[in-house]
Amino acid sequence: MEPEVQSCVRQTTETKSLSSSSRSSRDCLLQNEAECFGLPLDNHETYTKLDWIVWTATLADAPEDFNAFIDPLYRFANETPTRVPLTDWYWTQDGSRRGFKARSVVGGIYIKMLTDQAMWKKWISRASARFNHSVAAR
C-alpha cells in the first residue's frame, strides 16, 4: 500500500473511533462513514460517484459543510493512482478507478455555480457573447 494511502487509512480509522455524541449529525455521518477519498455511495461497497458527491455537497447550508464533502474529492483528483481522464466512479479507500472514465457526468462538478446567481449570470453572458460573435462572423 502506498504511504499516502496508509496514512489516510490510519487517519480514517482513528477518526471513526471518536465519540459521535460531541458532533453534529453531518459531522457524525462524514466522520463515521467517509473514507480518505470521499463518502461511499451506499453501505454495500466503498465506491462513490464524483458527481453525486458534488450534488450532495451543493445541498449543504454552510460553506464548511460543502467543503467537508469536497475536500476528499479534491484529494482524490490530485492523488488517485489511476492515470486516466477524470473518472466519476472510484473507490473511496484508495482513490483508484472503479469503472467509468471521461464521461459527461463529470460536468456535474460545476453544479455549485448554478446556486450562485451572480456567478452563472457572468458565465452565461460570456457564452452568449461568444455565440453572438460567432453567428455575426458567418
Protein backbone atom coordinates (compact mmCIF):
# COMPACT_ATOMS: atom_id res chain seq x y z
CA MET A 1 0.00 0.00 0.00
CA GLU A 2 1.31 3.48 -0.89
CA PRO A 3 2.49 5.57 2.11
CA GLU A 4 -0.12 8.28 1.41
CA VAL A 5 -2.92 5.70 1.39
CA GLN A 6 -1.58 4.09 4.58
CA SER A 7 -1.63 7.48 6.28
CA CYS A 8 -5.15 8.14 5.02
CA VAL A 9 -6.43 4.74 6.20
CA ARG A 10 -4.83 5.31 9.61
CA GLN A 11 -6.43 8.77 9.93
CA THR A 12 -9.83 7.44 8.86
CA THR A 13 -9.64 4.58 11.37
CA GLU A 14 -8.64 6.96 14.17
CA THR A 15 -11.48 9.37 13.29
CA LYS A 16 -14.06 6.57 13.28
CA SER A 17 -13.19 5.74 16.89
CA LEU A 18 -14.19 9.21 18.17
CA SER A 19 -17.38 9.58 20.16
CA SER A 20 -20.23 10.82 17.96
CA SER A 21 -22.07 12.46 20.87
CA SER A 22 -19.95 15.60 20.58
CA ARG A 23 -20.52 16.15 16.86
CA SER A 24 -23.36 17.35 14.68
CA SER A 25 -25.21 14.78 12.57
CA ARG A 26 -23.32 15.98 9.49
CA ASP A 27 -20.00 15.55 11.25
CA CYS A 28 -21.11 12.18 12.56
CA LEU A 29 -22.07 10.98 9.08
CA LEU A 30 -18.91 12.28 7.43
CA GLN A 31 -16.58 11.17 10.19
CA ASN A 32 -18.09 7.71 10.64
CA GLU A 33 -18.81 6.86 7.02
CA ALA A 34 -16.35 8.91 4.95
CA GLU A 35 -13.19 7.33 3.69
CA CYS A 36 -9.99 9.05 2.69
CA PHE A 37 -11.26 9.93 -0.79
CA GLY A 38 -14.90 10.61 -0.05
CA LEU A 39 -18.20 9.35 1.24
CA PRO A 40 -19.21 5.92 -0.14
CA LEU A 41 -22.33 5.94 -2.29
CA ASP A 42 -24.06 3.35 -0.10
CA ASN A 43 -23.24 0.86 2.63
CA HIS A 44 -22.71 -2.15 0.33
CA GLU A 45 -19.45 -1.05 -1.27
CA THR A 46 -16.78 1.59 -0.68
CA TYR A 47 -17.05 3.21 -4.10
CA THR A 48 -18.55 6.60 -4.81
CA LYS A 49 -19.54 8.82 -7.72
CA LEU A 50 -17.80 12.13 -8.20
CA ASP A 51 -20.92 13.90 -9.48
CA TRP A 52 -23.00 12.51 -6.59
CA ILE A 53 -20.59 13.97 -4.04
CA VAL A 54 -20.75 17.43 -5.61
CA TRP A 55 -24.53 17.38 -5.94
CA THR A 56 -24.83 16.31 -2.29
CA ALA A 57 -22.34 18.94 -1.14
CA THR A 58 -24.26 21.62 -3.01
CA LEU A 59 -27.26 20.94 -0.77
CA ALA A 60 -25.22 21.94 2.29
CA ASP A 61 -26.28 25.14 4.04
CA ALA A 62 -22.87 26.16 5.35
CA PRO A 63 -19.59 26.51 3.42
CA GLU A 64 -17.80 24.26 5.92
CA ASP A 65 -20.35 21.52 5.25
CA PHE A 66 -19.83 21.91 1.50
CA ASN A 67 -16.07 21.72 2.00
CA ALA A 68 -16.38 18.61 4.18
CA PHE A 69 -17.71 16.79 1.11
CA ILE A 70 -15.45 18.46 -1.45
CA ASP A 71 -12.06 18.25 0.31
CA PRO A 72 -11.79 14.43 -0.07
CA LEU A 73 -12.88 14.75 -3.72
CA TYR A 74 -10.12 17.30 -4.30
CA ARG A 75 -7.69 14.92 -2.65
CA PHE A 76 -8.89 12.14 -4.94
CA ALA A 77 -8.37 14.25 -8.08
CA ASN A 78 -4.81 15.05 -7.02
CA GLU A 79 -3.74 11.71 -5.55
CA THR A 80 -5.57 8.99 -7.48
CA PRO A 81 -3.15 6.28 -8.61
CA THR A 82 -5.26 5.79 -11.75
CA ARG A 83 -3.99 7.98 -14.55
CA VAL A 84 -6.91 8.20 -16.98
CA PRO A 85 -9.20 11.14 -17.81
CA LEU A 86 -11.16 12.03 -14.68
CA THR A 87 -13.32 9.13 -13.61
CA ASP A 88 -16.69 9.63 -11.95
CA TRP A 89 -16.78 6.19 -10.27
CA TYR A 90 -13.95 5.33 -7.88
CA TRP A 91 -13.02 3.55 -4.65
CA THR A 92 -13.08 5.81 -1.59
CA GLN A 93 -10.34 3.96 0.30
CA ASP A 94 -7.51 4.12 -2.21
CA GLY A 95 -8.77 6.51 -4.91
CA SER A 96 -8.47 4.02 -7.75
CA ARG A 97 -10.91 3.97 -10.66
CA ARG A 98 -13.86 1.61 -10.23
CA GLY A 99 -15.15 1.82 -13.76
CA PHE A 100 -16.03 4.77 -15.94
CA LYS A 101 -13.67 7.41 -17.33
CA ALA A 102 -14.05 10.72 -19.17
CA ARG A 103 -17.87 10.75 -19.04
CA SER A 104 -20.02 13.83 -19.45
CA VAL A 105 -21.46 13.49 -15.93
CA VAL A 106 -18.15 14.88 -14.67
CA GLY A 107 -19.62 18.23 -15.73
CA GLY A 108 -21.73 17.87 -12.59
CA ILE A 109 -18.79 19.28 -10.65
CA TYR A 110 -19.95 22.73 -11.79
CA ILE A 111 -23.43 22.42 -10.24
CA LYS A 112 -22.47 24.65 -7.32
CA MET A 113 -22.17 27.57 -9.74
CA LEU A 114 -25.88 27.31 -10.51
CA THR A 115 -26.69 28.12 -6.88
CA ASP A 116 -24.80 31.42 -7.15
CA GLN A 117 -26.92 33.66 -9.37
CA ALA A 118 -24.17 36.25 -9.96
CA MET A 119 -21.74 33.50 -10.97
CA TRP A 120 -23.97 31.79 -13.50
CA LYS A 121 -25.13 35.12 -14.97
CA LYS A 122 -21.49 36.04 -15.51
CA TRP A 123 -20.77 32.81 -17.37
CA ILE A 124 -23.99 32.74 -19.37
CA SER A 125 -23.35 36.29 -20.57
CA ARG A 126 -19.87 35.27 -21.72
CA ALA A 127 -21.26 32.26 -23.54
CA SER A 128 -23.97 34.40 -25.16
CA ALA A 129 -21.41 36.96 -26.28
CA ARG A 130 -19.27 34.26 -27.87
CA PHE A 131 -22.27 32.71 -29.57
CA ASN A 132 -23.44 36.07 -30.92
CA HIS A 133 -19.91 36.86 -32.13
CA SER A 134 -19.60 33.53 -33.95
CA VAL A 135 -23.01 33.97 -35.61
CA ALA A 136 -22.13 37.51 -36.73
CA ALA A 137 -18.86 36.25 -38.22
CA ARG A 138 -20.71 33.93 -40.60
